[in-house]
Amino acid sequence: MDGERSVLRVTPTCVIALDELVWRFSASGGPGGQHVNTSNTRAEVRFDIAGSASLGPRQRARLVERLGPEVRVVASDERSQLRNRELALERLRSRLAEALRVETPRRATKPTKGAKERRLEEKRQRAQTKQRRQGGRGRPDDE
């Protein structure tokens, strides 16, 4: 394996060495006939977050807080073990990337004048619609 394939790039700043991942393969359930019964195509990958040398202290703390000390991903969608390995790696990458994402805090803003006017106009329209549904009860719109 070359340098790029021996690592899993999660984010631009987070790269995990593939030798830190623990793989396990087993028979996949479901349809597939004799092929499924004779081949171990289900791929399971585990990543020890707490013991990883690839993570920085802040990354490790964030991942442990959000995912726990270990993360496990399973893929048994395809009939090919290789394809299931790729799927499992991609799922692990996206799960780690999502857990590492820092949400920017929302800044409170006031609604614009136009937004207020649109909201009030919508309320007027809704009131008129409900008024018309009364079937003669109530008074017609005076505007």
Protein backbone atom coordinates (compact mmCIF):
# COMPACT_ATOMS: atom_id res chain seq x y z
CA MET A 1 0.00 0.00 0.00
CA ASP A 2 1.21 3.48 -0.77
CA GLY A 3 1.19 6.42 1.67
CA GLU A 4 -2.27 7.72 0.72
CA ARG A 5 -4.02 4.34 0.98
CA SER A 6 -2.47 3.45 4.35
CA VAL A 7 -4.44 6.24 6.04
CA LEU A 8 -8.08 7.21 6.34
CA ARG A 9 -8.54 10.96 5.84
CA VAL A 10 -11.50 11.97 8.01
CA THR A 11 -11.11 15.76 7.81
CA PRO A 12 -8.30 17.96 6.50
CA THR A 13 -6.76 17.94 10.01
CA CYS A 14 -7.68 14.38 11.09
CA VAL A 15 -5.93 11.41 9.50
CA ILE A 16 -6.11 7.89 10.94
CA ALA A 17 -3.59 5.14 10.18
CA LEU A 18 -5.36 2.08 8.76
CA ASP A 19 -3.32 -0.23 11.00
CA GLU A 20 -5.24 1.20 13.99
CA LEU A 21 -8.46 -0.30 12.63
CA VAL A 22 -9.50 -3.80 13.68
CA TRP A 23 -11.36 -5.79 11.00
CA ARG A 24 -13.63 -8.80 11.41
CA PHE A 25 -15.40 -10.68 8.64
CA SER A 26 -18.33 -13.04 8.93
CA ALA A 27 -21.06 -14.60 6.84
CA SER A 28 -23.67 -12.12 5.72
CA GLY A 29 -27.34 -13.01 6.13
CA GLY A 30 -30.08 -12.44 3.61
CA PRO A 31 -30.47 -13.47 -0.03
CA GLY A 32 -27.60 -14.59 -2.21
CA GLY A 33 -27.84 -18.38 -2.37
CA GLN A 34 -24.75 -20.56 -2.14
CA HIS A 35 -22.41 -17.58 -2.45
CA VAL A 36 -23.61 -16.14 0.87
CA ASN A 37 -23.35 -19.49 2.62
CA THR A 38 -19.70 -20.01 1.66
CA SER A 39 -18.09 -16.57 1.88
CA ASN A 40 -17.49 -14.13 4.70
CA THR A 41 -18.62 -10.91 3.04
CA ARG A 42 -19.96 -9.00 6.08
CA ALA A 43 -17.31 -6.48 7.17
CA GLU A 44 -17.07 -5.03 10.67
CA VAL A 45 -14.48 -2.42 11.55
CA ARG A 46 -13.65 -1.16 15.05
CA PHE A 47 -11.66 1.91 15.95
CA ASP A 48 -10.29 2.45 19.46
CA ILE A 49 -10.74 6.18 19.93
CA ALA A 50 -9.36 6.29 23.46
CA GLY A 51 -6.13 4.49 22.51
CA SER A 52 -5.51 6.03 19.10
CA ALA A 53 -2.11 7.58 18.39
CA SER A 54 -3.45 9.37 15.29
CA LEU A 55 -5.74 11.72 17.19
CA GLY A 56 -4.84 14.93 18.96
CA PRO A 57 -6.03 15.49 22.53
CA ARG A 58 -8.94 17.78 21.55
CA GLN A 59 -10.06 15.47 18.74
CA ARG A 60 -9.90 12.46 21.07
CA ALA A 61 -11.89 14.27 23.78
CA ARG A 62 -14.58 15.35 21.32
CA LEU A 63 -14.90 11.86 19.79
CA VAL A 64 -15.01 10.09 23.16
CA GLU A 65 -17.66 12.54 24.35
CA ARG A 66 -19.84 12.02 21.27
CA LEU A 67 -19.17 8.40 20.27
CA GLY A 68 -17.66 6.70 23.31
CA PRO A 69 -14.22 5.09 23.68
CA GLU A 70 -14.69 2.82 20.66
CA VAL A 71 -16.66 3.10 17.43
CA ARG A 72 -17.92 0.08 15.47
CA VAL A 73 -19.26 0.08 11.91
CA VAL A 74 -20.77 -2.84 9.97
CA ALA A 75 -21.40 -3.23 6.24
CA SER A 76 -23.13 -6.23 4.69
CA ASP A 77 -24.96 -4.51 1.82
CA GLU A 78 -22.94 -5.97 -1.05
CA ARG A 79 -22.00 -9.52 -2.09
CA SER A 80 -18.32 -8.57 -2.33
CA GLN A 81 -16.15 -8.43 0.78
CA LEU A 82 -13.98 -5.76 -0.86
CA ARG A 83 -17.00 -3.55 -1.55
CA ASN A 84 -18.26 -4.05 2.03
CA ARG A 85 -14.81 -3.06 3.33
CA GLU A 86 -14.99 0.16 1.30
CA LEU A 87 -18.53 0.85 2.56
CA ALA A 88 -17.49 0.26 6.17
CA LEU A 89 -14.51 2.61 5.81
CA GLU A 90 -16.70 5.32 4.27
CA ARG A 91 -19.30 4.95 7.03
CA LEU A 92 -16.58 5.15 9.68
CA ARG A 93 -15.12 8.24 8.00
CA SER A 94 -18.47 10.03 7.86
CA ARG A 95 -19.36 9.09 11.43
CA LEU A 96 -16.05 10.41 12.75
CA ALA A 97 -16.27 13.55 10.60
CA GLU A 98 -19.78 14.28 11.89
CA ALA A 99 -18.66 13.83 15.50
CA LEU A 100 -15.65 16.13 14.97
CA ARG A 101 -17.75 18.89 13.39
CA VAL A 102 -17.88 22.01 15.56
CA GLU A 103 -21.21 23.77 15.38
CA THR A 104 -20.94 27.54 15.29
CA PRO A 105 -23.25 29.11 17.86
CA ARG A 106 -26.30 30.87 16.47
CA ARG A 107 -26.29 34.65 16.65
CA ALA A 108 -29.69 36.04 17.54
CA THR A 109 -30.99 38.51 14.96
CA LYS A 110 -34.16 40.55 14.65
CA PRO A 111 -36.65 39.74 11.91
CA THR A 112 -36.51 42.23 9.04
CA LYS A 113 -39.33 44.66 8.37
CA GLY A 114 -40.24 42.74 5.21
CA ALA A 115 -40.37 39.44 7.13
CA LYS A 116 -42.71 40.97 9.72
CA GLU A 117 -44.98 42.34 6.97
CA ARG A 118 -45.05 38.98 5.15
CA ARG A 119 -45.93 37.18 8.38
CA LEU A 120 -48.77 39.60 9.16
CA GLU A 121 -50.10 39.40 5.58
CA GLU A 122 -50.04 35.61 5.79
CA LYS A 123 -51.98 35.80 9.08
CA ARG A 124 -54.58 38.07 7.44
CA GLN A 125 -54.94 35.68 4.51
CA ARG A 126 -55.32 32.70 6.85
CA ALA A 127 -57.95 34.57 8.92
CA GLN A 128 -59.93 35.43 5.77
CA THR A 129 -59.81 31.81 4.60
CA LYS A 130 -61.12 30.60 7.96
CA GLN A 131 -63.76 33.32 7.99
CA ARG A 132 -65.08 32.18 4.59
CA ARG A 133 -65.32 28.61 5.85
CA GLN A 134 -67.84 29.65 8.50
CA GLY A 135 -70.62 29.27 5.92
CA GLY A 136 -72.42 32.54 6.40
CA ARG A 137 -71.73 32.88 10.10
CA GLY A 138 -69.56 35.79 11.08
CA ARG A 139 -69.33 39.04 9.20
CA PRO A 140 -67.63 39.51 5.83
CA ASP A 141 -64.32 41.32 5.56
CA ASP A 142 -64.71 45.10 5.99
CA GLU A 143 -61.38 46.16 4.49
